[in-house]
Amino acid sequence: MCRSIRTLRPPYAETVTEDDMRAAALQYVRKVSGFRTPAAHNQAAFDEAVERVTWATRQLLETLEVRGAGAAR
């Protein structure tokens, strides 16, 4: 779906920053909405979606257990 979103879990990524998670969320929201830059009347909804997807990404990465990669992230 979003080919420019990179995998953010071990062993594909050693460290993942908040910026990495936000960039992935932004790409996802752009793809789903069909807008690279939303119009002013859609900006708040777009920004809220990016924040929620960033939060969900953080939660996912913190709870995943990857076999052979040590403890859960």
N, C-alpha and C. Protein backbone atom coordinates (compact mmCIF):
# COMPACT_ATOMS: atom_id res chain seq x y z
N MET A 1 0.83 -1.19 0.00
CA MET A 1 0.00 0.00 0.00
C MET A 1 0.87 1.25 0.00
N CYS A 2 1.64 1.43 1.05
CA CYS A 2 2.48 2.63 1.15
C CYS A 2 3.94 2.20 1.05
N ARG A 3 4.43 2.15 -0.13
CA ARG A 3 5.77 1.61 -0.35
C ARG A 3 6.87 2.43 0.31
N SER A 4 6.63 3.70 0.60
CA SER A 4 7.67 4.52 1.21
C SER A 4 7.71 4.40 2.73
N ILE A 5 6.79 3.66 3.32
CA ILE A 5 6.83 3.43 4.76
C ILE A 5 7.77 2.26 5.01
N ARG A 6 8.78 2.52 5.84
CA ARG A 6 9.73 1.45 6.12
C ARG A 6 9.33 0.70 7.37
N THR A 7 9.81 -0.53 7.50
CA THR A 7 9.53 -1.36 8.66
C THR A 7 10.24 -0.77 9.87
N LEU A 8 9.52 -0.63 10.98
CA LEU A 8 10.07 0.03 12.16
C LEU A 8 10.34 -0.93 13.32
N ARG A 9 10.37 -2.21 13.08
CA ARG A 9 10.65 -3.16 14.15
C ARG A 9 11.95 -3.91 13.88
N PRO A 10 12.53 -4.48 14.96
CA PRO A 10 13.74 -5.28 14.76
C PRO A 10 13.41 -6.49 13.90
N PRO A 11 14.30 -6.99 13.13
CA PRO A 11 15.69 -6.56 12.96
C PRO A 11 15.85 -5.50 11.88
N TYR A 12 14.76 -4.99 11.35
CA TYR A 12 14.82 -4.02 10.26
C TYR A 12 15.24 -2.63 10.72
N ALA A 13 14.97 -2.32 11.97
CA ALA A 13 15.33 -1.01 12.50
C ALA A 13 15.90 -1.20 13.90
N GLU A 14 17.10 -0.71 14.12
CA GLU A 14 17.74 -0.80 15.44
C GLU A 14 17.11 0.20 16.40
N THR A 15 16.98 1.43 15.97
CA THR A 15 16.36 2.46 16.80
C THR A 15 15.25 3.12 16.00
N VAL A 16 14.20 3.46 16.69
CA VAL A 16 13.06 4.11 16.05
C VAL A 16 12.76 5.37 16.85
N THR A 17 12.72 6.49 16.17
CA THR A 17 12.46 7.77 16.84
C THR A 17 10.99 8.15 16.67
N GLU A 18 10.59 9.14 17.44
CA GLU A 18 9.25 9.70 17.31
C GLU A 18 9.04 10.24 15.88
N ASP A 19 10.10 10.83 15.33
CA ASP A 19 10.03 11.34 13.95
C ASP A 19 9.80 10.22 12.95
N ASP A 20 10.42 9.06 13.17
CA ASP A 20 10.21 7.91 12.28
C ASP A 20 8.76 7.46 12.32
N MET A 21 8.20 7.39 13.53
CA MET A 21 6.81 6.96 13.66
C MET A 21 5.86 7.98 13.05
N ARG A 22 6.14 9.26 13.25
CA ARG A 22 5.29 10.31 12.69
C ARG A 22 5.36 10.32 11.16
N ALA A 23 6.55 10.10 10.61
CA ALA A 23 6.70 10.07 9.15
C ALA A 23 5.89 8.91 8.55
N ALA A 24 5.93 7.76 9.20
CA ALA A 24 5.14 6.62 8.73
C ALA A 24 3.65 6.93 8.82
N ALA A 25 3.24 7.55 9.92
CA ALA A 25 1.83 7.91 10.10
C ALA A 25 1.39 8.92 9.03
N LEU A 26 2.23 9.89 8.77
CA LEU A 26 1.91 10.90 7.76
C LEU A 26 1.73 10.25 6.39
N GLN A 27 2.63 9.34 6.03
CA GLN A 27 2.52 8.66 4.73
C GLN A 27 1.22 7.86 4.65
N TYR A 28 0.88 7.19 5.75
CA TYR A 28 -0.35 6.40 5.79
C TYR A 28 -1.58 7.30 5.61
N VAL A 29 -1.64 8.38 6.36
CA VAL A 29 -2.79 9.28 6.28
C VAL A 29 -2.88 9.91 4.89
N ARG A 30 -1.76 10.26 4.31
CA ARG A 30 -1.77 10.80 2.95
C ARG A 30 -2.35 9.80 1.97
N LYS A 31 -1.94 8.54 2.11
CA LYS A 31 -2.40 7.50 1.19
C LYS A 31 -3.90 7.26 1.35
N VAL A 32 -4.34 7.13 2.59
CA VAL A 32 -5.74 6.83 2.84
C VAL A 32 -6.64 7.99 2.43
N SER A 33 -6.22 9.22 2.74
CA SER A 33 -7.05 10.39 2.43
C SER A 33 -6.98 10.80 0.97
N GLY A 34 -5.88 10.47 0.32
CA GLY A 34 -5.70 10.90 -1.06
C GLY A 34 -5.18 12.31 -1.18
N PHE A 35 -4.81 12.92 -0.06
CA PHE A 35 -4.29 14.29 -0.05
C PHE A 35 -2.84 14.29 0.39
N ARG A 36 -1.99 14.92 -0.40
CA ARG A 36 -0.61 15.15 0.06
C ARG A 36 -0.61 16.28 1.08
N THR A 37 -1.33 17.34 0.76
CA THR A 37 -1.53 18.47 1.66
C THR A 37 -3.02 18.78 1.65
N PRO A 38 -3.68 18.65 2.79
CA PRO A 38 -5.13 18.87 2.81
C PRO A 38 -5.47 20.35 2.70
N ALA A 39 -6.68 20.61 2.25
CA ALA A 39 -7.19 21.98 2.22
C ALA A 39 -7.36 22.46 3.66
N ALA A 40 -7.42 23.77 3.82
CA ALA A 40 -7.51 24.37 5.17
C ALA A 40 -8.68 23.80 5.97
N HIS A 41 -9.81 23.56 5.31
CA HIS A 41 -10.98 23.05 6.04
C HIS A 41 -10.83 21.59 6.47
N ASN A 42 -9.83 20.88 5.94
CA ASN A 42 -9.56 19.50 6.33
C ASN A 42 -8.30 19.35 7.19
N GLN A 43 -7.58 20.43 7.40
CA GLN A 43 -6.29 20.35 8.09
C GLN A 43 -6.38 19.76 9.50
N ALA A 44 -7.36 20.19 10.28
CA ALA A 44 -7.49 19.69 11.65
C ALA A 44 -7.75 18.19 11.67
N ALA A 45 -8.62 17.71 10.80
CA ALA A 45 -8.92 16.28 10.74
C ALA A 45 -7.68 15.50 10.30
N PHE A 46 -6.95 16.03 9.34
CA PHE A 46 -5.73 15.40 8.83
C PHE A 46 -4.70 15.30 9.95
N ASP A 47 -4.46 16.42 10.65
CA ASP A 47 -3.48 16.45 11.73
C ASP A 47 -3.86 15.51 12.86
N GLU A 48 -5.12 15.46 13.21
CA GLU A 48 -5.60 14.56 14.26
C GLU A 48 -5.37 13.11 13.86
N ALA A 49 -5.63 12.78 12.61
CA ALA A 49 -5.40 11.41 12.14
C ALA A 49 -3.92 11.05 12.23
N VAL A 50 -3.05 11.96 11.84
CA VAL A 50 -1.61 11.69 11.93
C VAL A 50 -1.21 11.43 13.38
N GLU A 51 -1.72 12.23 14.31
CA GLU A 51 -1.38 12.04 15.73
C GLU A 51 -1.89 10.70 16.24
N ARG A 52 -3.10 10.33 15.86
CA ARG A 52 -3.66 9.05 16.32
C ARG A 52 -2.92 7.85 15.73
N VAL A 53 -2.55 7.94 14.48
CA VAL A 53 -1.80 6.84 13.87
C VAL A 53 -0.39 6.76 14.47
N THR A 54 0.21 7.90 14.76
CA THR A 54 1.52 7.90 15.44
C THR A 54 1.39 7.21 16.79
N TRP A 55 0.36 7.55 17.56
CA TRP A 55 0.12 6.94 18.87
C TRP A 55 -0.06 5.43 18.73
N ALA A 56 -0.88 5.01 17.77
CA ALA A 56 -1.13 3.58 17.56
C ALA A 56 0.16 2.86 17.16
N THR A 57 0.98 3.49 16.36
CA THR A 57 2.26 2.91 15.96
C THR A 57 3.17 2.72 17.17
N ARG A 58 3.25 3.74 18.01
CA ARG A 58 4.07 3.65 19.23
C ARG A 58 3.59 2.50 20.11
N GLN A 59 2.26 2.42 20.31
CA GLN A 59 1.69 1.35 21.14
C GLN A 59 2.02 -0.02 20.55
N LEU A 60 1.88 -0.15 19.26
CA LEU A 60 2.17 -1.42 18.60
C LEU A 60 3.62 -1.82 18.80
N LEU A 61 4.54 -0.92 18.53
CA LEU A 61 5.96 -1.22 18.63
C LEU A 61 6.37 -1.52 20.08
N GLU A 62 5.73 -0.88 21.04
CA GLU A 62 6.05 -1.13 22.45
C GLU A 62 5.55 -2.48 22.93
N THR A 63 4.55 -3.04 22.29
CA THR A 63 3.97 -4.30 22.75
C THR A 63 4.33 -5.51 21.90
N LEU A 64 4.90 -5.31 20.72
CA LEU A 64 5.29 -6.44 19.89
C LEU A 64 6.41 -7.24 20.55
N GLU A 65 6.34 -8.55 20.41
CA GLU A 65 7.43 -9.41 20.81
C GLU A 65 7.98 -10.05 19.55
N VAL A 66 9.24 -9.80 19.28
CA VAL A 66 9.87 -10.31 18.07
C VAL A 66 10.80 -11.45 18.48
N ARG A 67 10.51 -12.64 18.02
CA ARG A 67 11.35 -13.79 18.35
C ARG A 67 12.75 -13.60 17.81
N GLY A 68 13.72 -13.93 18.64
CA GLY A 68 15.11 -13.84 18.22
C GLY A 68 15.67 -12.44 18.30
N ALA A 69 14.89 -11.48 18.75
CA ALA A 69 15.36 -10.09 18.84
C ALA A 69 15.51 -9.64 20.29
N GLY A 70 15.45 -10.58 21.24
CA GLY A 70 15.57 -10.21 22.65
C GLY A 70 14.24 -9.88 23.24
N ALA A 71 14.24 -8.97 24.21
CA ALA A 71 13.02 -8.59 24.93
C ALA A 71 12.09 -7.79 24.03
N ALA A 72 10.86 -7.68 24.46
CA ALA A 72 9.89 -6.87 23.73
C ALA A 72 10.33 -5.44 23.70
N ARG A 73 9.97 -4.76 22.62
CA ARG A 73 10.34 -3.34 22.48
C ARG A 73 9.39 -2.49 23.24
